[in-house]
Amino acid sequence: MHSEGGGVLLSGLRVFVVDDHADSVELFPAVLGSAGAQVQAFRSALEALDAFAALRPDVLVCDLAMPGLNGFELIRRLRAAGWTNPAVAVSAMVRAQDKAEALAAGFDMHLAKPVDIDALVEAVVTLSGRTGDTDGLPDVG
């Protein structure tokens, strides 16, 4: 579901990507950026947490299993602080119990690693309330 209009699908959307794996920190921002998002990538949850107040992303894409502060604790802290925007968990933890725990912690969606790139873009589009329309016009009823 890549944007046909040269990156207008997620145009102007601020997305934080938080993952301790270098490949994800390179790939996810590139893909979401090509769909028009403004992406900030972080290698740790603490770095993202420090940047949160100033940058206030529209959507969070976050790994669950990270050293130090993990994704579960990051989303719990953000939700406790009143942040209500959508959050997508991306993780190799794919048991039903892991997905349920991610949703209970405050994530809106869980995607299994390795993440299908089109599924990632689709998840951000869906959670952000954007539609597949790429004409730049608002939807009318």
Protein backbone atom coordinates (compact mmCIF):
# COMPACT_ATOMS: atom_id res chain seq x y z
CA MET A 1 0.00 0.00 0.00
CA HIS A 2 2.66 2.48 -0.95
CA SER A 3 1.46 5.92 -1.83
CA GLU A 4 0.98 6.51 -5.51
CA GLY A 5 1.21 10.27 -5.14
CA GLY A 6 4.88 10.51 -4.19
CA GLY A 7 4.45 10.25 -0.46
CA VAL A 8 1.17 11.97 0.30
CA LEU A 9 -0.50 9.08 2.13
CA LEU A 10 1.07 10.02 5.48
CA SER A 11 1.97 13.58 4.56
CA GLY A 12 2.83 15.67 7.60
CA LEU A 13 2.25 12.85 10.08
CA ARG A 14 4.85 12.80 12.88
CA VAL A 15 5.94 9.25 13.68
CA PHE A 16 8.37 8.01 16.33
CA VAL A 17 10.09 4.69 15.62
CA VAL A 18 11.68 3.11 18.70
CA ASP A 19 13.70 -0.07 18.23
CA ASP A 20 17.08 -1.29 19.45
CA HIS A 21 17.77 -3.17 16.20
CA ALA A 22 19.71 -1.16 13.62
CA ASP A 23 17.88 -2.71 10.65
CA SER A 24 14.47 -1.63 11.98
CA VAL A 25 15.73 1.86 12.84
CA GLU A 26 16.87 2.22 9.22
CA LEU A 27 14.07 0.40 7.39
CA PHE A 28 10.93 1.63 9.19
CA PRO A 29 11.74 5.35 8.89
CA ALA A 30 12.68 4.92 5.22
CA VAL A 31 9.40 3.19 4.40
CA LEU A 32 7.19 5.52 6.43
CA GLY A 33 9.14 8.52 5.14
CA SER A 34 8.56 7.43 1.55
CA ALA A 35 4.82 7.46 2.35
CA GLY A 36 5.17 11.09 3.48
CA ALA A 37 5.59 10.77 7.26
CA GLN A 38 8.07 12.86 9.24
CA VAL A 39 9.93 10.16 11.17
CA GLN A 40 12.20 10.37 14.19
CA ALA A 41 14.03 7.14 15.02
CA PHE A 42 15.37 6.17 18.45
CA ARG A 43 17.53 3.23 19.52
CA SER A 44 16.12 3.21 23.07
CA ALA A 45 12.86 3.91 24.84
CA LEU A 46 14.61 6.37 27.17
CA GLU A 47 15.81 8.46 24.19
CA ALA A 48 12.27 8.52 22.81
CA LEU A 49 10.80 9.40 26.20
CA ASP A 50 13.22 12.33 26.52
CA ALA A 51 12.16 13.65 23.10
CA PHE A 52 8.43 13.12 23.62
CA ALA A 53 7.53 16.37 25.35
CA ALA A 54 9.15 18.54 22.68
CA LEU A 55 8.18 16.61 19.56
CA ARG A 56 4.77 15.07 20.42
CA PRO A 57 4.42 12.45 17.66
CA ASP A 58 1.10 11.57 16.05
CA VAL A 59 1.91 7.84 16.02
CA LEU A 60 4.39 5.61 17.88
CA VAL A 61 5.91 2.48 16.30
CA CYS A 62 7.77 0.63 19.03
CA ASP A 63 9.60 -2.64 19.64
CA LEU A 64 8.60 -4.45 22.83
CA ALA A 65 11.77 -6.23 23.93
CA MET A 66 14.53 -3.68 24.42
CA PRO A 67 17.25 -3.44 27.05
CA GLY A 68 16.61 -1.02 29.88
CA LEU A 69 13.19 0.54 29.47
CA ASN A 70 11.15 -1.79 27.25
CA GLY A 71 8.24 -1.00 24.96
CA PHE A 72 5.64 -2.13 27.49
CA GLU A 73 6.94 0.31 30.10
CA LEU A 74 7.33 3.12 27.55
CA ILE A 75 3.69 2.93 26.47
CA ARG A 76 2.51 2.62 30.08
CA ARG A 77 4.41 5.80 30.99
CA LEU A 78 3.11 7.67 27.95
CA ARG A 79 -0.49 6.64 28.62
CA ALA A 80 -0.16 7.54 32.31
CA ALA A 81 1.10 10.98 31.24
CA GLY A 82 -2.04 11.49 29.14
CA TRP A 83 -0.70 10.73 25.64
CA THR A 84 -3.65 9.26 23.71
CA ASN A 85 -2.32 9.03 20.15
CA PRO A 86 -2.06 5.64 18.42
CA ALA A 87 0.79 3.23 19.09
CA VAL A 88 1.87 0.13 17.16
CA ALA A 89 3.90 -2.60 18.84
CA VAL A 90 6.34 -4.42 16.55
CA SER A 91 7.88 -7.49 18.06
CA ALA A 92 9.21 -11.00 17.62
CA MET A 93 7.09 -11.78 20.69
CA VAL A 94 4.14 -13.19 18.76
CA ARG A 95 2.24 -15.51 21.08
CA ALA A 96 -1.40 -14.61 21.72
CA GLN A 97 -0.39 -13.81 25.31
CA ASP A 98 2.28 -11.35 24.06
CA LYS A 99 -0.21 -9.59 21.80
CA ALA A 100 -2.77 -9.39 24.60
CA GLU A 101 -0.14 -7.97 26.98
CA ALA A 102 0.88 -5.34 24.40
CA LEU A 103 -2.73 -4.23 23.93
CA ALA A 104 -3.35 -4.23 27.69
CA ALA A 105 -0.25 -2.07 28.22
CA GLY A 106 -1.68 0.58 25.89
CA PHE A 107 -0.69 -0.30 22.32
CA ASP A 108 -3.46 -0.09 19.74
CA MET A 109 -2.06 -2.74 17.41
CA HIS A 110 0.59 -5.49 17.39
CA LEU A 111 2.62 -6.49 14.31
CA ALA A 112 4.88 -9.54 14.26
CA LYS A 113 8.54 -9.26 13.26
CA PRO A 114 9.74 -9.57 10.65
CA VAL A 115 7.27 -6.83 9.83
CA ASP A 116 5.66 -6.80 6.41
CA ILE A 117 6.39 -3.29 5.13
CA ASP A 118 2.99 -2.82 3.52
CA ALA A 119 1.33 -3.96 6.77
CA LEU A 120 3.35 -1.36 8.69
CA VAL A 121 2.26 1.47 6.39
CA GLU A 122 -1.33 0.18 6.47
CA ALA A 123 -1.27 0.08 10.29
CA VAL A 124 -0.05 3.68 10.55
CA VAL A 125 -2.57 4.82 7.94
CA THR A 126 -5.43 3.06 9.75
CA LEU A 127 -4.50 4.19 13.24
CA SER A 128 -3.86 7.77 12.19
CA GLY A 129 -7.31 8.01 10.61
CA ARG A 130 -5.89 8.56 7.17
CA THR A 131 -7.55 6.87 4.22
CA GLY A 132 -6.12 5.25 1.15
CA ASP A 133 -7.12 8.31 -0.87
CA THR A 134 -4.06 10.08 -2.15
CA ASP A 135 -5.72 13.04 -3.86
CA GLY A 136 -5.10 15.28 -0.85
CA LEU A 137 -8.77 16.13 -0.49
CA PRO A 138 -10.71 15.48 2.70
CA ASP A 139 -13.21 12.64 2.67
CA VAL A 140 -16.81 13.75 2.43
CA GLY A 141 -19.34 11.46 4.14
